[in-house]
Amino acid sequence: MPTYAYACKDCGHAFDVFQSFTDSSLTSCPECQGALRKKFNSVGVVFKGSGFYRTDSRDSKGSTVSAAPAAAPAPAAAPAPAAAAAAS
């Protein structure tokens, strides 16, 4: 059963109540019978088990993302044969 936090708008009295999801919200302060407001807190989320982490979906051999192979440097221009240079 969830715990809800309430605070009185008139006297400032704050308290927690265990309520079912189907129960209606409280409307009057138990101290002064003033108007209540429900306080909302952040919810802590805990991920348990496999499949939640970046490394869980990868195989043991390495990353599933493959990088493109590095291109081999272009060979240097070969000098023109001496016969072709002499013919011109």
N, C-alpha and C. Protein backbone atom coordinates (compact mmCIF):
# COMPACT_ATOMS: atom_id res chain seq x y z
N MET A 1 0.84 -1.17 0.00
CA MET A 1 0.00 0.00 0.00
C MET A 1 0.90 1.24 0.00
N PRO A 2 0.61 2.22 -0.84
CA PRO A 2 1.46 3.41 -0.92
C PRO A 2 1.28 4.34 0.28
N THR A 3 2.30 5.12 0.53
CA THR A 3 2.28 6.13 1.58
C THR A 3 2.11 7.49 0.94
N TYR A 4 1.14 8.26 1.40
CA TYR A 4 0.91 9.60 0.89
C TYR A 4 1.23 10.62 1.97
N ALA A 5 1.83 11.72 1.57
CA ALA A 5 2.17 12.79 2.50
C ALA A 5 1.15 13.91 2.34
N TYR A 6 0.66 14.42 3.46
CA TYR A 6 -0.29 15.52 3.46
C TYR A 6 0.26 16.65 4.31
N ALA A 7 -0.17 17.88 4.02
CA ALA A 7 0.16 19.05 4.84
C ALA A 7 -1.08 19.93 4.91
N CYS A 8 -1.29 20.49 6.09
CA CYS A 8 -2.45 21.36 6.30
C CYS A 8 -2.13 22.76 5.76
N LYS A 9 -3.04 23.34 5.03
CA LYS A 9 -2.87 24.69 4.51
C LYS A 9 -3.01 25.74 5.60
N ASP A 10 -3.73 25.43 6.67
CA ASP A 10 -3.99 26.41 7.73
C ASP A 10 -2.93 26.37 8.83
N CYS A 11 -2.71 25.21 9.44
CA CYS A 11 -1.79 25.15 10.59
C CYS A 11 -0.41 24.62 10.22
N GLY A 12 -0.23 24.05 9.03
CA GLY A 12 1.08 23.56 8.61
C GLY A 12 1.41 22.16 9.09
N HIS A 13 0.48 21.50 9.77
CA HIS A 13 0.71 20.14 10.26
C HIS A 13 0.96 19.21 9.08
N ALA A 14 2.05 18.43 9.14
CA ALA A 14 2.39 17.50 8.07
C ALA A 14 2.39 16.08 8.62
N PHE A 15 1.88 15.14 7.83
CA PHE A 15 1.82 13.74 8.26
C PHE A 15 1.74 12.83 7.04
N ASP A 16 2.02 11.55 7.26
CA ASP A 16 1.95 10.54 6.22
C ASP A 16 0.82 9.56 6.52
N VAL A 17 0.19 9.05 5.47
CA VAL A 17 -0.92 8.11 5.62
C VAL A 17 -0.74 6.97 4.63
N PHE A 18 -0.95 5.73 5.09
CA PHE A 18 -0.98 4.58 4.19
C PHE A 18 -2.38 4.48 3.63
N GLN A 19 -2.49 4.57 2.29
CA GLN A 19 -3.80 4.51 1.64
C GLN A 19 -3.71 3.62 0.41
N SER A 20 -4.82 3.01 0.08
CA SER A 20 -4.91 2.24 -1.14
C SER A 20 -5.06 3.20 -2.32
N PHE A 21 -4.81 2.70 -3.51
CA PHE A 21 -5.00 3.54 -4.70
C PHE A 21 -6.46 3.94 -4.87
N THR A 22 -7.36 3.11 -4.41
CA THR A 22 -8.79 3.37 -4.60
C THR A 22 -9.38 4.26 -3.51
N ASP A 23 -8.64 4.50 -2.42
CA ASP A 23 -9.14 5.38 -1.36
C ASP A 23 -9.14 6.83 -1.83
N SER A 24 -10.14 7.58 -1.39
CA SER A 24 -10.18 8.99 -1.76
C SER A 24 -9.19 9.78 -0.88
N SER A 25 -8.75 10.92 -1.38
CA SER A 25 -7.79 11.76 -0.66
C SER A 25 -8.43 12.34 0.59
N LEU A 26 -7.60 12.57 1.60
CA LEU A 26 -8.08 13.22 2.82
C LEU A 26 -8.29 14.69 2.54
N THR A 27 -9.28 15.29 3.21
CA THR A 27 -9.60 16.70 2.94
C THR A 27 -9.50 17.59 4.17
N SER A 28 -9.56 17.01 5.39
CA SER A 28 -9.53 17.86 6.59
C SER A 28 -8.40 17.43 7.52
N CYS A 29 -7.74 18.40 8.11
CA CYS A 29 -6.61 18.19 9.01
C CYS A 29 -7.08 17.55 10.31
N PRO A 30 -6.39 16.52 10.80
CA PRO A 30 -6.79 15.92 12.07
C PRO A 30 -6.51 16.82 13.28
N GLU A 31 -5.65 17.83 13.12
CA GLU A 31 -5.30 18.73 14.22
C GLU A 31 -6.30 19.89 14.34
N CYS A 32 -6.54 20.59 13.22
CA CYS A 32 -7.35 21.81 13.28
C CYS A 32 -8.58 21.79 12.38
N GLN A 33 -8.81 20.70 11.68
CA GLN A 33 -9.93 20.54 10.73
C GLN A 33 -9.81 21.48 9.53
N GLY A 34 -8.60 22.00 9.28
CA GLY A 34 -8.36 22.88 8.13
C GLY A 34 -8.22 22.07 6.84
N ALA A 35 -8.06 22.78 5.74
CA ALA A 35 -7.94 22.14 4.43
C ALA A 35 -6.56 21.52 4.26
N LEU A 36 -6.54 20.31 3.67
CA LEU A 36 -5.28 19.60 3.42
C LEU A 36 -4.88 19.69 1.96
N ARG A 37 -3.62 19.54 1.74
CA ARG A 37 -3.11 19.38 0.38
C ARG A 37 -2.20 18.17 0.37
N LYS A 38 -2.23 17.45 -0.73
CA LYS A 38 -1.39 16.26 -0.87
C LYS A 38 -0.03 16.72 -1.38
N LYS A 39 1.03 16.27 -0.74
CA LYS A 39 2.39 16.61 -1.16
C LYS A 39 2.88 15.51 -2.10
N PHE A 40 3.54 15.91 -3.16
CA PHE A 40 4.07 14.94 -4.11
C PHE A 40 5.58 14.94 -4.01
N ASN A 41 6.14 13.75 -3.84
CA ASN A 41 7.59 13.58 -3.74
C ASN A 41 8.09 12.85 -4.96
N SER A 42 9.39 12.97 -5.18
CA SER A 42 9.98 12.23 -6.29
C SER A 42 9.98 10.74 -5.96
N VAL A 43 9.86 9.94 -6.97
CA VAL A 43 9.80 8.49 -6.79
C VAL A 43 11.18 7.92 -7.09
N GLY A 44 11.68 7.12 -6.19
CA GLY A 44 12.96 6.45 -6.43
C GLY A 44 12.74 5.24 -7.30
N VAL A 45 13.49 5.12 -8.36
CA VAL A 45 13.36 4.01 -9.29
C VAL A 45 14.62 3.16 -9.19
N VAL A 46 14.44 1.87 -9.00
CA VAL A 46 15.57 0.95 -8.94
C VAL A 46 15.40 -0.06 -10.06
N PHE A 47 16.39 -0.15 -10.93
CA PHE A 47 16.36 -1.11 -12.02
C PHE A 47 17.11 -2.35 -11.58
N LYS A 48 16.40 -3.47 -11.51
CA LYS A 48 17.01 -4.73 -11.09
C LYS A 48 16.97 -5.71 -12.25
N GLY A 49 17.96 -6.54 -12.32
CA GLY A 49 18.00 -7.56 -13.36
C GLY A 49 18.83 -7.12 -14.54
N SER A 50 18.82 -7.94 -15.56
CA SER A 50 19.63 -7.62 -16.73
C SER A 50 18.80 -6.86 -17.76
N GLY A 51 19.49 -6.22 -18.68
CA GLY A 51 18.82 -5.51 -19.75
C GLY A 51 18.69 -4.02 -19.55
N PHE A 52 19.13 -3.50 -18.40
CA PHE A 52 18.97 -2.08 -18.13
C PHE A 52 20.24 -1.28 -18.37
N TYR A 53 21.35 -1.96 -18.54
CA TYR A 53 22.61 -1.25 -18.66
C TYR A 53 23.15 -1.36 -20.07
N ARG A 54 24.00 -0.44 -20.43
CA ARG A 54 24.54 -0.37 -21.78
C ARG A 54 25.28 -1.65 -22.16
N THR A 55 25.96 -2.25 -21.21
CA THR A 55 26.76 -3.42 -21.50
C THR A 55 25.95 -4.70 -21.55
N ASP A 56 24.70 -4.69 -21.11
CA ASP A 56 23.90 -5.91 -21.07
C ASP A 56 23.52 -6.43 -22.46
N SER A 57 23.42 -5.57 -23.43
CA SER A 57 22.97 -6.01 -24.75
C SER A 57 24.12 -6.34 -25.69
N ARG A 58 25.31 -6.29 -25.19
CA ARG A 58 26.47 -6.57 -26.06
C ARG A 58 26.98 -7.98 -25.82
N ASP A 59 27.55 -8.55 -26.86
CA ASP A 59 28.14 -9.87 -26.68
C ASP A 59 29.50 -9.74 -26.01
N SER A 60 30.04 -10.86 -25.59
CA SER A 60 31.29 -10.82 -24.84
C SER A 60 32.51 -10.55 -25.71
N LYS A 61 32.36 -10.63 -27.02
CA LYS A 61 33.51 -10.42 -27.91
C LYS A 61 33.83 -8.95 -28.10
N GLY A 62 32.87 -8.08 -27.92
CA GLY A 62 33.14 -6.66 -28.11
C GLY A 62 31.86 -5.91 -28.41
N SER A 63 32.02 -4.74 -28.87
CA SER A 63 30.90 -3.85 -29.14
C SER A 63 30.12 -4.32 -30.35
N THR A 64 28.82 -4.12 -30.33
CA THR A 64 28.00 -4.44 -31.50
C THR A 64 28.04 -3.32 -32.52
N VAL A 65 28.50 -2.17 -32.10
CA VAL A 65 28.63 -1.05 -33.02
C VAL A 65 29.98 -1.17 -33.69
N SER A 66 29.97 -1.35 -35.00
CA SER A 66 31.25 -1.52 -35.70
C SER A 66 31.65 -0.20 -36.33
N ALA A 67 32.89 0.13 -36.15
CA ALA A 67 33.43 1.34 -36.76
C ALA A 67 33.90 0.98 -38.16
N ALA A 68 33.81 1.93 -39.06
CA ALA A 68 34.28 1.70 -40.42
C ALA A 68 35.79 1.51 -40.38
N PRO A 69 36.30 0.53 -41.14
CA PRO A 69 37.75 0.32 -41.13
C PRO A 69 38.47 1.55 -41.66
N ALA A 70 39.62 1.80 -41.10
CA ALA A 70 40.40 2.96 -41.53
C ALA A 70 40.86 2.74 -42.96
N ALA A 71 40.74 3.76 -43.75
CA ALA A 71 41.15 3.67 -45.15
C ALA A 71 42.67 3.67 -45.23
N ALA A 72 43.19 2.82 -46.08
CA ALA A 72 44.65 2.76 -46.27
C ALA A 72 45.08 4.03 -46.99
N PRO A 73 46.22 4.56 -46.61
CA PRO A 73 46.68 5.77 -47.30
C PRO A 73 46.94 5.48 -48.78
N ALA A 74 46.63 6.45 -49.59
CA ALA A 74 46.83 6.29 -51.03
C ALA A 74 48.32 6.17 -51.33
N PRO A 75 48.70 5.27 -52.24
CA PRO A 75 50.13 5.12 -52.57
C PRO A 75 50.63 6.39 -53.25
N ALA A 76 51.88 6.67 -53.00
CA ALA A 76 52.49 7.86 -53.62
C ALA A 76 52.56 7.64 -55.12
N ALA A 77 52.47 8.74 -55.86
CA ALA A 77 52.52 8.63 -57.33
C ALA A 77 53.88 8.10 -57.74
N ALA A 78 53.84 7.06 -58.57
CA ALA A 78 55.09 6.46 -59.04
C ALA A 78 55.72 7.37 -60.06
N PRO A 79 57.04 7.47 -60.02
CA PRO A 79 57.69 8.33 -61.04
C PRO A 79 57.46 7.75 -62.44
N ALA A 80 57.33 8.62 -63.39
CA ALA A 80 57.08 8.19 -64.76
C ALA A 80 58.30 7.44 -65.27
N PRO A 81 58.06 6.39 -66.06
CA PRO A 81 59.20 5.67 -66.63
C PRO A 81 60.06 6.61 -67.47
N ALA A 82 61.32 6.33 -67.49
CA ALA A 82 62.26 7.17 -68.23
C ALA A 82 61.96 7.20 -69.71
N ALA A 83 61.45 6.13 -70.26
CA ALA A 83 61.15 6.08 -71.69
C ALA A 83 60.00 7.01 -72.03
N ALA A 84 58.99 7.09 -71.16
CA ALA A 84 57.85 7.96 -71.43
C ALA A 84 58.29 9.41 -71.31
N ALA A 85 59.20 9.71 -70.44
CA ALA A 85 59.67 11.07 -70.29
C ALA A 85 60.52 11.48 -71.48
N ALA A 86 61.29 10.55 -72.01
CA ALA A 86 62.16 10.86 -73.14
C ALA A 86 61.36 11.03 -74.41
N ALA A 87 60.22 10.33 -74.55
CA ALA A 87 59.41 10.40 -75.77
C ALA A 87 58.72 11.74 -75.89
N SER A 88 58.51 12.43 -74.80
CA SER A 88 57.79 13.65 -74.91
C SER A 88 58.64 14.81 -75.20
